[in-house]
């Protein structure tokens, strides 16, 4: 039964129960709303270490990652988790445009895994999707030339049918791409001081303290936690010593969409989205990120005055009843910023950040249409042996994507960055005008994406899918292969 039909059925049941005098509010309605506002911040925010690397004899920058099980303390005692090179999350991979990189990945888990470089333009054989599984006790190597603007990306597992559980247990990490031509020296850039990775995930714990991996009841979107962990800890605070701080926000949650803002209502500067810097800063009070999306924001702070980054209630397009059950009514404190009494000044934000060449409709060779509904795309659940699209290398296409369900979805395309042409027929808001690889899909409102497919050596397939991981694992995913002209 399609999710929207399940929600309609639920609404009818609740209406009947309420009409019969049943205490629906105490039974299901009130507990579905979560608030952690004012819960307190008592743990310093850990900064993921930069991954060590070395140059091999071919001049490649080489990283080693090891997926392993362990125990991690979120703040109430150790629980069983997984991570890269540690018990939870992984180090930040920092690399520069133009470098040839090699990542050796070792699987020390009791099950197969893979590692996908989310947002990275790589050959299909190095993409780390479900076709590049790593068996327990074995290794896999991926190599590519970094050829994209300065950006905040991330890495995570992608085994078909098991992605949600592995990411939830902690297998994820950030990637930072540096590029002088598309970066800005005027932005805060001292890693861990004024340039801060903020990896946001929601968790739920059982009565005996273990991670609870059960899907949220009545939601249809997978796991929704009642506790937020940032860089692996709950209730974090960040001591700040500079007037401006750059937060690299990553929504690494399984299903939850956040609407980030500061509790005093002050504006921040959005300077970058999934695929790199915007052409100019955009002043906002809120930035909504669905699972997999990133945003770089710069916050101006006052000496000695604490600020709180919070996720506020926000509409998700599922209606009054549906939004409550998919997290739209929740209020979640994320991170407290604690400025010192005296702050180090820095340069003003530049009026222009980076060049942003636009892909225009007249360049598109063709338009494709994708409808997401009932654990399928265009009526077809994921099939590892089926290729759903074959764009030509170097060509530009428009993909019109429609959420036909009554609940939230989003859309991630491997191997490329795209630009948003329209949302429901209108020009996109400023926060959607940069390079993107993942975009929220409001129910019933078509989103047009334009993308140019790069030329990479070797055959293989890339994924496109909903990045609510329960939906991805359940079959809301397809594959495309980039082919040579005339192939």
Protein backbone atom coordinates (compact mmCIF):
# COMPACT_ATOMS: atom_id res chain seq x y z
CA UNK A 1 0.00 0.00 0.00
CA UNK A 2 1.43 3.42 -0.94
CA UNK A 3 2.59 5.55 1.97
CA UNK A 4 0.11 8.33 1.24
CA UNK A 5 -2.73 5.81 1.36
CA UNK A 6 -1.45 4.52 4.71
CA UNK A 7 -1.44 8.06 6.08
CA UNK A 8 -4.95 8.69 4.74
CA UNK A 9 -6.08 5.48 6.41
CA UNK A 10 -4.40 6.56 9.66
CA UNK A 11 -6.11 9.93 9.53
CA UNK A 12 -9.48 8.25 9.12
CA UNK A 13 -8.80 5.89 12.04
CA UNK A 14 -7.72 8.73 14.33
CA UNK A 15 -10.80 10.73 13.38
CA UNK A 16 -13.07 7.81 14.22
CA UNK A 17 -11.27 7.18 17.50
CA UNK A 18 -11.50 10.83 18.50
CA UNK A 19 -15.20 10.84 17.65
CA UNK A 20 -15.74 7.85 19.89
CA UNK A 21 -14.12 9.62 22.86
CA UNK A 22 -10.79 7.75 22.67
CA UNK A 23 -7.88 9.78 24.09
CA UNK A 24 -6.05 10.14 20.78
CA UNK A 25 -3.97 13.04 22.08
CA UNK A 26 -2.42 10.99 24.90
CA UNK A 27 -2.13 7.87 22.78
CA UNK A 28 -0.38 9.08 19.65
CA UNK A 29 -0.68 12.78 18.82
CA UNK A 30 1.25 14.51 21.63
CA UNK A 31 4.10 11.94 21.87
CA UNK A 32 4.77 12.36 18.14
CA UNK A 33 6.15 15.87 18.75
CA UNK A 34 9.68 16.13 20.16
CA UNK A 35 11.36 19.13 21.79
CA UNK A 36 14.87 19.27 23.22
CA UNK A 37 14.87 23.06 23.60
CA UNK A 38 16.62 24.10 26.77
CA UNK A 39 17.95 20.63 27.55
CA UNK A 40 21.41 22.07 28.11
CA UNK A 41 24.91 21.86 26.65
CA UNK A 42 27.54 20.22 28.80
CA UNK A 43 30.04 18.53 26.46
CA UNK A 44 32.66 20.20 24.27
CA UNK A 45 32.16 19.61 20.57
CA UNK A 46 34.78 17.14 19.31
CA UNK A 47 36.42 18.00 16.00
CA UNK A 48 36.96 14.99 13.70
CA UNK A 49 40.70 14.65 13.06
CA UNK A 50 42.09 15.21 9.59
CA UNK A 51 42.87 11.86 8.03
CA UNK A 52 46.60 11.20 7.67
CA UNK A 53 47.85 10.63 4.13
CA UNK A 54 51.08 10.07 2.24
CA UNK A 55 52.35 10.29 -1.33
CA UNK A 56 53.06 7.03 -3.12
CA UNK A 57 55.68 6.58 -5.84
CA UNK A 58 53.14 7.63 -8.47
CA UNK A 59 52.53 10.95 -6.73
CA UNK A 60 49.05 10.00 -5.52
CA UNK A 61 47.77 11.16 -2.14
CA UNK A 62 46.95 7.91 -0.31
CA UNK A 63 44.46 7.49 2.55
CA UNK A 64 43.67 4.37 4.55
CA UNK A 65 40.22 3.81 6.02
CA UNK A 66 39.19 0.87 8.17
CA UNK A 67 35.51 0.14 8.85
CA UNK A 68 35.30 -1.37 12.31
CA UNK A 69 32.99 -2.06 15.24
CA UNK A 70 33.48 -0.62 18.68
CA UNK A 71 31.83 1.23 21.54
CA UNK A 72 31.05 4.93 21.75
CA UNK A 73 29.73 7.15 24.53
CA UNK A 74 27.10 9.64 23.33
CA UNK A 75 26.85 11.01 26.85
CA UNK A 76 25.09 8.32 28.89
CA UNK A 77 27.55 5.43 28.76
CA UNK A 78 29.10 3.30 26.02
CA UNK A 79 26.96 1.67 23.33
CA UNK A 80 27.89 -0.60 20.43
CA UNK A 81 28.66 1.41 17.30
CA UNK A 82 30.72 1.39 14.10
CA UNK A 83 33.15 3.85 12.58
CA UNK A 84 36.07 4.43 10.25
CA UNK A 85 39.47 4.28 11.98
CA UNK A 86 37.66 4.43 15.31
CA UNK A 87 34.51 3.45 17.11
CA UNK A 88 32.22 6.13 15.62
CA UNK A 89 32.21 8.34 12.49
CA UNK A 90 35.50 8.81 10.67
CA UNK A 91 38.30 11.31 10.03
CA UNK A 92 37.89 14.23 7.65
CA UNK A 93 39.46 13.58 4.26
CA UNK A 94 40.99 16.83 3.01
CA UNK A 95 42.17 16.97 -0.59
CA UNK A 96 42.92 19.57 -3.25
CA UNK A 97 41.63 20.01 -6.77
CA UNK A 98 44.03 18.56 -9.30
CA UNK A 99 45.36 15.85 -6.98
CA UNK A 100 45.21 12.18 -7.84
CA UNK A 101 43.99 10.39 -4.73
CA UNK A 102 43.86 6.75 -3.71
CA UNK A 103 41.74 5.50 -0.81
CA UNK A 104 42.34 1.97 0.51
CA UNK A 105 39.32 0.74 2.44
CA UNK A 106 39.46 -2.30 4.73
CA UNK A 107 36.35 -4.05 6.05
CA UNK A 108 36.81 -5.30 9.60
CA UNK A 109 33.04 -5.62 10.12
CA UNK A 110 31.19 -8.95 10.28
CA UNK A 111 29.20 -7.98 7.14
CA UNK A 112 29.87 -6.51 3.69
CA UNK A 113 30.06 -2.76 3.30
CA UNK A 114 31.07 -0.16 0.72
CA UNK A 115 32.15 3.48 0.79
CA UNK A 116 30.47 6.06 -1.44
CA UNK A 117 32.08 9.48 -1.92
CA UNK A 118 28.89 11.54 -1.74
CA UNK A 119 29.09 14.59 -4.02
CA UNK A 120 32.43 13.62 -5.58
CA UNK A 121 32.80 13.39 -9.35
CA UNK A 122 34.54 10.03 -9.74
CA UNK A 123 34.65 7.19 -12.30
CA UNK A 124 31.79 4.74 -11.83
CA UNK A 125 34.18 1.99 -10.74
CA UNK A 126 35.37 4.20 -7.86
CA UNK A 127 31.93 5.48 -6.82
CA UNK A 128 31.54 3.01 -3.94
CA UNK A 129 27.91 2.15 -4.62
CA UNK A 130 26.23 -1.23 -4.16
CA UNK A 131 28.26 -2.76 -7.01
CA UNK A 132 31.55 -2.20 -5.16
CA UNK A 133 30.89 -4.31 -2.07
CA UNK A 134 33.78 -5.11 0.28
CA UNK A 135 33.56 -8.53 1.89
CA UNK A 136 34.39 -8.92 5.58
CA UNK A 137 38.15 -9.17 6.04
CA UNK A 138 38.95 -7.84 2.58
CA UNK A 139 39.91 -4.50 1.03
CA UNK A 140 38.93 -2.27 -1.88
CA UNK A 141 40.78 0.65 -3.44
CA UNK A 142 39.34 3.67 -5.20
CA UNK A 143 41.40 6.16 -7.18
CA UNK A 144 40.43 9.34 -8.99
CA UNK A 145 41.60 12.82 -9.93
CA UNK A 146 39.91 15.54 -7.89
CA UNK A 147 38.29 17.81 -10.47
CA UNK A 148 35.64 20.01 -8.91
CA UNK A 149 35.34 23.29 -6.99
CA UNK A 150 36.11 23.77 -3.32
CA UNK A 151 33.25 22.11 -1.40
CA UNK A 152 32.04 20.18 1.62
CA UNK A 153 31.28 16.55 0.71
CA UNK A 154 31.00 13.37 2.76
CA UNK A 155 31.49 9.61 2.64
CA UNK A 156 29.30 6.76 3.88
CA UNK A 157 28.41 3.11 3.12
CA UNK A 158 26.10 2.17 0.26
CA UNK A 159 25.38 -1.61 0.39
CA UNK A 160 21.95 -2.21 -1.11
CA UNK A 161 19.42 -2.98 1.62
CA UNK A 162 21.81 -2.24 4.50
CA UNK A 163 22.79 1.42 4.07
CA UNK A 164 20.41 2.78 6.70
CA UNK A 165 21.65 0.53 9.49
CA UNK A 166 25.34 1.05 8.76
CA UNK A 167 25.08 4.84 8.56
CA UNK A 168 22.98 4.89 11.73
CA UNK A 169 25.58 2.86 13.61
CA UNK A 170 28.17 5.52 12.73
CA UNK A 171 29.85 4.86 9.38
CA UNK A 172 30.19 8.37 7.96
CA UNK A 173 32.73 11.16 7.63
CA UNK A 174 33.34 14.53 5.98
CA UNK A 175 35.36 15.39 2.88
CA UNK A 176 36.72 18.90 2.27
CA UNK A 177 37.89 19.83 -1.22
CA UNK A 178 40.24 22.83 -1.45
CA UNK A 179 40.69 24.90 -4.60
CA UNK A 180 42.17 28.43 -4.62
CA UNK A 181 40.31 29.30 -7.83
CA UNK A 182 36.85 28.57 -6.40
CA UNK A 183 37.48 29.16 -2.70
CA UNK A 184 37.75 32.45 -0.84
CA UNK A 185 40.62 33.37 1.50
CA UNK A 186 38.34 35.91 3.20
CA UNK A 187 36.15 33.12 4.62
CA UNK A 188 37.08 31.52 7.96
CA UNK A 189 39.36 28.62 7.03
CA UNK A 190 41.33 27.45 10.11
CA UNK A 191 40.05 23.91 10.57
CA UNK A 192 38.73 23.27 14.06
CA UNK A 193 39.14 26.92 15.12
CA UNK A 194 36.89 29.07 12.94
CA UNK A 195 36.07 26.46 10.25
CA UNK A 196 34.03 23.78 11.97
CA UNK A 197 32.61 20.46 10.69
CA UNK A 198 29.10 19.94 12.11
CA UNK A 199 27.88 16.38 11.42
CA UNK A 200 24.28 16.18 12.63
CA UNK A 201 22.48 12.88 13.30
CA UNK A 202 19.44 11.94 15.34
CA UNK A 203 19.48 8.93 17.63
CA UNK A 204 17.10 6.96 19.81
CA UNK A 205 18.10 4.72 22.70
CA UNK A 206 16.45 1.68 24.25
CA UNK A 207 15.63 1.45 27.94
CA UNK A 208 18.87 -0.43 28.58
CA UNK A 209 20.96 2.18 26.74
CA UNK A 210 21.51 0.52 23.34
CA UNK A 211 20.99 2.29 20.00
CA UNK A 212 17.37 1.81 18.96
CA UNK A 213 17.25 1.21 15.20
CA UNK A 214 13.49 0.72 14.87
CA UNK A 215 11.60 2.79 12.33
CA UNK A 216 9.32 5.53 13.58
CA UNK A 217 5.70 4.31 13.86
CA UNK A 218 3.10 5.87 11.54
CA UNK A 219 5.71 7.92 9.63
CA UNK A 220 6.68 5.76 6.66
CA UNK A 221 10.08 7.44 6.34
CA UNK A 222 12.28 5.23 8.51
CA UNK A 223 14.13 6.08 11.70
CA UNK A 224 13.43 9.31 13.59
CA UNK A 225 15.40 9.85 16.78
CA UNK A 226 14.51 11.92 19.82
CA UNK A 227 18.14 12.85 20.59
CA UNK A 228 20.57 14.82 18.41
CA UNK A 229 24.25 13.94 18.25
CA UNK A 230 26.73 16.35 16.67
CA UNK A 231 30.13 14.94 15.73
CA UNK A 232 29.15 12.02 17.93
CA UNK A 233 28.10 13.77 21.16
CA UNK A 234 24.85 15.06 22.59
CA UNK A 235 24.48 18.51 24.19
CA UNK A 236 27.63 19.94 22.56
CA UNK A 237 29.09 23.43 22.97
CA UNK A 238 31.77 25.09 20.87
CA UNK A 239 34.20 27.60 22.43
CA UNK A 240 34.66 30.37 19.86
CA UNK A 241 37.65 32.72 19.72
CA UNK A 242 36.94 34.55 16.44
CA UNK A 243 34.34 37.14 15.48
CA UNK A 244 33.07 34.98 12.65
CA UNK A 245 32.78 31.21 12.52
CA UNK A 246 32.13 29.02 9.50
CA UNK A 247 29.92 26.01 10.18
CA UNK A 248 30.00 23.21 7.61
CA UNK A 249 26.57 21.68 8.26
CA UNK A 250 26.05 18.08 7.16
CA UNK A 251 22.71 16.34 7.63
CA UNK A 252 23.95 12.77 8.09
CA UNK A 253 20.65 11.54 9.55
CA UNK A 254 18.72 8.63 8.12
CA UNK A 255 15.39 10.36 7.59
CA UNK A 256 15.12 13.62 9.51
CA UNK A 257 14.99 17.00 7.77
CA UNK A 258 16.26 19.97 9.81
CA UNK A 259 15.48 23.67 9.56
CA UNK A 260 18.58 25.30 11.06
CA UNK A 261 18.59 28.78 12.56
CA UNK A 262 19.81 30.75 15.56
CA UNK A 263 17.53 31.11 18.57
CA UNK A 264 17.84 34.89 18.76
CA UNK A 265 16.62 35.17 15.16
CA UNK A 266 19.79 36.76 13.82
CA UNK A 267 20.71 36.27 10.19
CA UNK A 268 23.67 34.23 9.06
CA UNK A 269 25.42 34.18 5.69
CA UNK A 270 24.91 31.12 3.52
CA UNK A 271 28.15 30.89 1.53
CA UNK A 272 28.06 27.35 0.12
CA UNK A 273 25.79 24.43 -0.71
CA UNK A 274 26.43 20.78 -1.60
CA UNK A 275 28.82 21.35 -4.49
CA UNK A 276 30.67 24.52 -3.53
CA UNK A 277 30.50 28.21 -2.80
CA UNK A 278 27.69 30.45 -3.99
CA UNK A 279 28.44 33.38 -6.24
CA UNK A 280 27.66 35.75 -3.35
CA UNK A 281 26.65 35.36 0.31
CA UNK A 282 22.91 35.02 0.97
CA UNK A 283 21.56 36.38 4.28
CA UNK A 284 19.08 33.96 5.84
CA UNK A 285 17.43 33.18 9.15
CA UNK A 286 16.78 29.53 8.28
CA UNK A 287 18.32 26.85 6.07
CA UNK A 288 16.50 23.56 5.57
CA UNK A 289 18.60 20.46 4.92
CA UNK A 290 17.17 17.04 4.11
CA UNK A 291 19.29 13.88 4.59
CA UNK A 292 22.56 14.08 2.67
CA UNK A 293 22.47 17.85 2.05
CA UNK A 294 25.19 20.25 3.20
CA UNK A 295 25.41 23.99 3.76
CA UNK A 296 28.30 26.26 4.71
CA UNK A 297 27.15 29.18 6.86
CA UNK A 298 29.12 32.03 8.44
CA UNK A 299 27.81 33.34 11.77
CA UNK A 300 28.79 36.73 13.22
CA UNK A 301 29.10 36.55 17.01
CA UNK A 302 29.22 39.06 19.86
CA UNK A 303 31.92 38.77 22.55
CA UNK A 304 30.74 36.77 25.55
CA UNK A 305 27.19 36.25 24.23
CA UNK A 306 26.21 32.63 23.70
CA UNK A 307 24.09 31.58 20.73
CA UNK A 308 22.27 28.33 20.06
CA UNK A 309 21.92 26.64 16.69
CA UNK A 310 18.49 25.03 16.64
CA UNK A 311 16.27 23.10 14.24
CA UNK A 312 12.84 24.72 14.22
CA UNK A 313 9.43 23.27 13.27
CA UNK A 314 8.89 23.51 9.54
CA UNK A 315 6.33 22.29 6.99
CA UNK A 316 7.32 19.19 5.05
CA UNK A 317 4.32 19.00 2.73
CA UNK A 318 2.64 16.03 4.40
CA UNK A 319 -0.26 18.07 5.80
CA UNK A 320 -1.04 18.89 9.44
CA UNK A 321 -1.34 15.26 10.48
CA UNK A 322 1.48 13.92 8.35
CA UNK A 323 4.01 16.62 9.27
CA UNK A 324 3.64 15.76 12.96
CA UNK A 325 4.63 12.13 12.35
CA UNK A 326 7.55 12.84 9.97
CA UNK A 327 9.28 15.31 12.31
CA UNK A 328 7.97 18.61 10.97
CA UNK A 329 6.69 19.76 14.38
CA UNK A 330 9.90 18.98 16.28
CA UNK A 331 12.20 21.52 17.97
CA UNK A 332 15.77 20.29 18.40
CA UNK A 333 18.71 22.11 19.94
CA UNK A 334 21.84 21.33 17.91
CA UNK A 335 24.90 23.25 19.15
CA UNK A 336 25.72 26.05 21.57
CA UNK A 337 28.28 28.63 20.43
CA UNK A 338 30.26 30.13 23.36
CA UNK A 339 32.21 33.22 22.26
CA UNK A 340 35.14 34.35 24.40
CA UNK A 341 34.98 37.79 26.10
CA UNK A 342 37.44 39.07 23.47
CA UNK A 343 37.16 37.81 19.90
CA UNK A 344 39.80 37.85 17.19
CA UNK A 345 38.64 40.01 14.28
CA UNK A 346 38.65 38.83 10.70
CA UNK A 347 38.08 40.20 7.20
CA UNK A 348 34.59 41.20 6.12
CA UNK A 349 32.69 38.75 3.94
CA UNK A 350 33.41 39.49 0.29
CA UNK A 351 30.56 40.61 -1.94
CA UNK A 352 31.60 37.98 -4.52
CA UNK A 353 32.64 34.50 -3.41
CA UNK A 354 33.28 32.30 -6.44
CA UNK A 355 32.41 32.02 -10.12
CA UNK A 356 29.19 30.11 -10.70
CA UNK A 357 28.71 29.21 -14.37
CA UNK A 358 25.05 28.55 -15.08
CA UNK A 359 23.71 25.61 -17.03
CA UNK A 360 20.94 26.95 -19.26
CA UNK A 361 17.87 25.21 -20.58
CA UNK A 362 18.86 25.71 -24.22
CA UNK A 363 21.94 23.51 -23.69
CA UNK A 364 19.92 20.44 -22.68
CA UNK A 365 20.00 17.56 -25.14
CA UNK A 366 16.93 15.95 -23.59
CA UNK A 367 14.56 15.93 -20.63
CA UNK A 368 13.84 12.88 -18.49
CA UNK A 369 11.03 12.43 -15.97
CA UNK A 370 11.24 10.58 -12.65
CA UNK A 371 8.30 9.93 -10.32
CA UNK A 372 8.93 8.75 -6.74
CA UNK A 373 6.13 6.73 -5.18
CA UNK A 374 5.65 3.60 -3.07
CA UNK A 375 9.30 2.45 -2.78
CA UNK A 376 9.91 2.82 -6.51
CA UNK A 377 10.95 5.30 -9.19
CA UNK A 378 8.74 5.41 -12.27
CA UNK A 379 6.96 2.37 -10.87
CA UNK A 380 10.13 0.25 -10.81
CA UNK A 381 11.93 -0.80 -7.63
CA UNK A 382 15.72 -1.00 -7.69
CA UNK A 383 17.18 -3.81 -9.81
CA UNK A 384 20.96 -4.21 -9.75
CA UNK A 385 20.84 -5.65 -13.30
CA UNK A 386 18.74 -2.87 -14.88
CA UNK A 387 20.06 0.41 -16.30
CA UNK A 388 17.36 3.09 -16.29
CA UNK A 389 19.07 5.88 -18.24
CA UNK A 390 22.06 6.22 -20.58
CA UNK A 391 23.12 9.88 -20.87
CA UNK A 392 25.96 10.71 -23.26
CA UNK A 393 29.29 11.81 -21.82
CA UNK A 394 29.65 15.57 -22.04
CA UNK A 395 25.94 16.12 -22.68
CA UNK A 396 23.56 18.24 -20.61
CA UNK A 397 20.14 16.96 -19.53
CA UNK A 398 17.16 18.18 -17.54
CA UNK A 399 15.68 15.76 -15.04
CA UNK A 400 12.14 16.57 -13.91
CA UNK A 401 11.62 14.84 -10.56
CA UNK A 402 8.23 14.52 -8.86
CA UNK A 403 7.35 13.28 -5.37
CA UNK A 404 3.99 11.55 -5.91
CA UNK A 405 3.83 10.33 -2.30
CA UNK A 406 2.23 12.29 0.51
CA UNK A 407 5.39 12.21 2.64
CA UNK A 408 8.89 13.70 2.33
CA UNK A 409 11.38 12.43 -0.22
CA UNK A 410 14.54 13.89 -1.63
CA UNK A 411 16.70 13.07 -4.65
CA UNK A 412 20.43 12.39 -4.87
CA UNK A 413 22.36 11.80 -8.09
CA UNK A 414 25.77 10.14 -7.98
CA UNK A 415 28.68 11.27 -10.12
CA UNK A 416 27.51 14.81 -10.93
CA UNK A 417 26.57 18.14 -9.41
CA UNK A 418 23.39 19.74 -10.72
CA UNK A 419 21.61 23.07 -10.60
CA UNK A 420 17.93 23.56 -9.74
CA UNK A 421 16.03 25.19 -12.61
CA UNK A 422 12.54 25.35 -11.11
CA UNK A 423 10.50 24.26 -8.09
CA UNK A 424 6.80 23.85 -8.92
CA UNK A 425 7.37 25.86 -12.09
CA UNK A 426 8.92 28.86 -10.32
CA UNK A 427 12.53 29.98 -10.01
CA UNK A 428 14.28 28.35 -7.03
CA UNK A 429 14.91 30.33 -3.82
CA UNK A 430 18.46 31.71 -3.35
CA UNK A 431 19.55 28.77 -1.18
CA UNK A 432 18.94 26.40 -4.11
CA UNK A 433 20.84 28.36 -6.77
CA UNK A 434 24.27 26.87 -6.22
CA UNK A 435 25.73 23.49 -7.11
CA UNK A 436 23.74 20.64 -5.57
CA UNK A 437 23.77 16.85 -5.56
CA UNK A 438 20.81 16.28 -3.21
CA UNK A 439 17.55 18.20 -3.12
CA UNK A 440 14.35 18.05 -1.07
CA UNK A 441 11.21 17.11 -3.03
CA UNK A 442 8.05 18.77 -1.70
CA UNK A 443 5.12 16.37 -2.23
CA UNK A 444 3.32 17.10 -5.49
CA UNK A 445 5.66 19.92 -6.56
CA UNK A 446 7.91 19.03 -9.54
CA UNK A 447 11.58 20.00 -9.31
CA UNK A 448 13.63 20.48 -12.50
CA UNK A 449 17.35 19.71 -12.29
CA UNK A 450 19.94 20.42 -14.98
CA UNK A 451 23.27 18.60 -15.08
CA UNK A 452 26.21 17.93 -17.37
CA UNK A 453 27.62 14.42 -17.35
CA UNK A 454 31.42 14.27 -17.10
CA UNK A 455 33.71 12.04 -19.12
CA UNK A 456 35.38 9.42 -16.95
CA UNK A 457 37.45 6.41 -18.00
CA UNK A 458 35.93 2.96 -17.79
CA UNK A 459 32.42 1.52 -17.77
CA UNK A 460 30.03 1.23 -14.86
CA UNK A 461 26.83 2.58 -13.39
CA UNK A 462 25.87 5.38 -11.00
CA UNK A 463 22.89 5.54 -8.66
CA UNK A 464 20.06 8.03 -8.32
CA UNK A 465 17.73 7.63 -5.36
CA UNK A 466 15.84 9.07 -2.43
CA UNK A 467 18.36 9.76 0.33
CA UNK A 468 15.93 8.94 3.12
CA UNK A 469 17.84 5.74 3.68
CA UNK A 470 14.88 3.52 4.51
CA UNK A 471 13.36 4.44 1.15
CA UNK A 472 16.68 3.85 -0.63
CA UNK A 473 17.07 0.42 0.98
CA UNK A 474 13.43 -0.43 0.16
CA UNK A 475 13.91 0.10 -3.56
CA UNK A 476 13.49 3.84 -4.33
CA UNK A 477 16.66 3.85 -6.41
CA UNK A 478 17.69 3.54 -10.05
CA UNK A 479 20.87 3.38 -12.11
CA UNK A 480 22.32 5.28 -15.02
CA UNK A 481 25.34 4.64 -17.21
CA UNK A 482 27.27 7.40 -18.98
CA UNK A 483 28.06 6.28 -22.53
CA UNK A 484 30.41 7.60 -25.18
CA UNK A 485 28.95 9.54 -28.12
CA UNK A 486 27.92 7.12 -30.82
CA UNK A 487 28.02 4.16 -28.44
